Amino acid sequence: MRKIDRSSGEIADTIERFLDGICRRWDWDDFCTVPIRDPQLDAIRLRCAGLSQEFPTAEKGHYCSKAGLEVLRQMVRELQHPKIPN
């Protein structure tokens, strides 16, 4: 499958829209299934794609548990404010 270029800002925006419930269904599906050229950003994509299995929910219609949603929020924070190496 062809890999695409995405910035950390684009990924943070997609995750935020998903958390806010305004991400269109296919946008999230595309994000989770289309590989990203940058290996670090692709690792985030893969983690997002697996959260429903890593943190299953008991609530019908929800993607993952509250713990999984917190993982997504943490990803957004880290993408928006990356740690600068010393």
Protein backbone atom coordinates (compact mmCIF):
# COMPACT_ATOMS: atom_id res chain seq x y z
CA MET A 1 0.00 0.00 0.00
CA ARG A 2 1.19 3.48 -0.84
CA LYS A 3 2.34 5.58 2.14
CA ILE A 4 1.24 9.18 2.51
CA ASP A 5 2.81 12.27 4.04
CA ARG A 6 1.08 13.69 7.12
CA SER A 7 2.33 16.22 9.61
CA SER A 8 2.11 15.85 13.36
CA GLY A 9 -0.37 18.76 13.31
CA GLU A 10 -2.62 16.94 10.86
CA ILE A 11 -2.57 13.83 13.01
CA ALA A 12 -3.30 15.81 16.18
CA ASP A 13 -6.21 17.51 14.39
CA THR A 14 -7.66 14.19 13.21
CA ILE A 15 -7.45 12.68 16.70
CA GLU A 16 -8.98 15.81 18.27
CA ARG A 17 -11.86 15.79 15.80
CA PHE A 18 -12.40 12.11 16.60
CA LEU A 19 -12.43 12.84 20.35
CA ASP A 20 -14.84 15.74 19.81
CA GLY A 21 -17.17 13.53 17.77
CA ILE A 22 -16.87 15.68 14.66
CA CYS A 23 -14.54 13.44 12.67
CA ARG A 24 -16.41 11.89 9.77
CA ARG A 25 -16.48 8.11 9.98
CA TRP A 26 -14.40 7.57 6.87
CA ASP A 27 -11.81 10.14 7.94
CA TRP A 28 -11.00 8.05 11.02
CA ASP A 29 -11.05 4.85 8.99
CA ASP A 30 -8.67 6.36 6.42
CA PHE A 31 -6.39 7.63 9.18
CA CYS A 32 -6.24 4.20 10.83
CA THR A 33 -5.70 2.21 7.63
CA VAL A 34 -3.48 4.30 5.34
CA PRO A 35 0.23 4.05 6.23
CA ILE A 36 2.17 7.24 6.92
CA ARG A 37 5.64 7.74 5.46
CA ASP A 38 7.19 9.01 8.74
CA PRO A 39 7.81 5.90 10.92
CA GLN A 40 7.18 7.74 14.22
CA LEU A 41 3.87 9.15 13.02
CA ASP A 42 2.91 5.80 11.54
CA ALA A 43 3.50 4.21 14.95
CA ILE A 44 0.95 6.66 16.38
CA ARG A 45 -1.49 5.70 13.62
CA LEU A 46 -1.05 2.03 14.39
CA ARG A 47 -1.54 2.63 18.12
CA CYS A 48 -4.76 4.53 17.39
CA ALA A 49 -5.97 1.73 15.14
CA GLY A 50 -5.45 -0.83 17.91
CA LEU A 51 -6.92 1.10 20.84
CA SER A 52 -10.34 -0.52 20.50
CA GLN A 53 -8.69 -3.89 21.12
CA GLU A 54 -6.19 -2.68 23.72
CA PHE A 55 -8.87 -0.76 25.64
CA PRO A 56 -12.21 -2.39 24.76
CA THR A 57 -15.36 -0.61 25.82
CA ALA A 58 -18.51 -2.00 27.40
CA GLU A 59 -20.51 0.94 26.04
CA LYS A 60 -22.28 0.30 22.75
CA GLY A 61 -21.22 2.65 19.97
CA HIS A 62 -17.97 3.74 21.64
CA TYR A 63 -14.59 3.14 20.03
CA CYS A 64 -12.67 2.33 23.19
CA SER A 65 -12.83 2.69 26.96
CA LYS A 66 -12.22 5.92 28.88
CA ALA A 67 -8.62 4.80 29.42
CA GLY A 68 -8.19 4.52 25.64
CA LEU A 69 -9.66 7.99 25.16
CA GLU A 70 -7.13 9.34 27.65
CA VAL A 71 -4.34 7.72 25.59
CA LEU A 72 -5.68 9.61 22.55
CA ARG A 73 -5.75 12.89 24.51
CA GLN A 74 -2.15 12.30 25.60
CA MET A 75 -1.14 11.67 21.98
CA VAL A 76 -2.66 15.01 20.98
CA ARG A 77 -0.78 16.82 23.76
CA GLU A 78 2.50 15.20 22.73
CA LEU A 79 1.94 15.95 19.04
CA GLN A 80 1.10 19.59 19.76
CA HIS A 81 3.95 20.09 22.25
CA PRO A 82 6.80 17.75 21.30
CA LYS A 83 9.62 17.30 23.77
CA ILE A 84 12.82 18.89 22.53
CA PRO A 85 15.84 16.62 23.01
CA ASN A 86 18.70 18.09 25.09
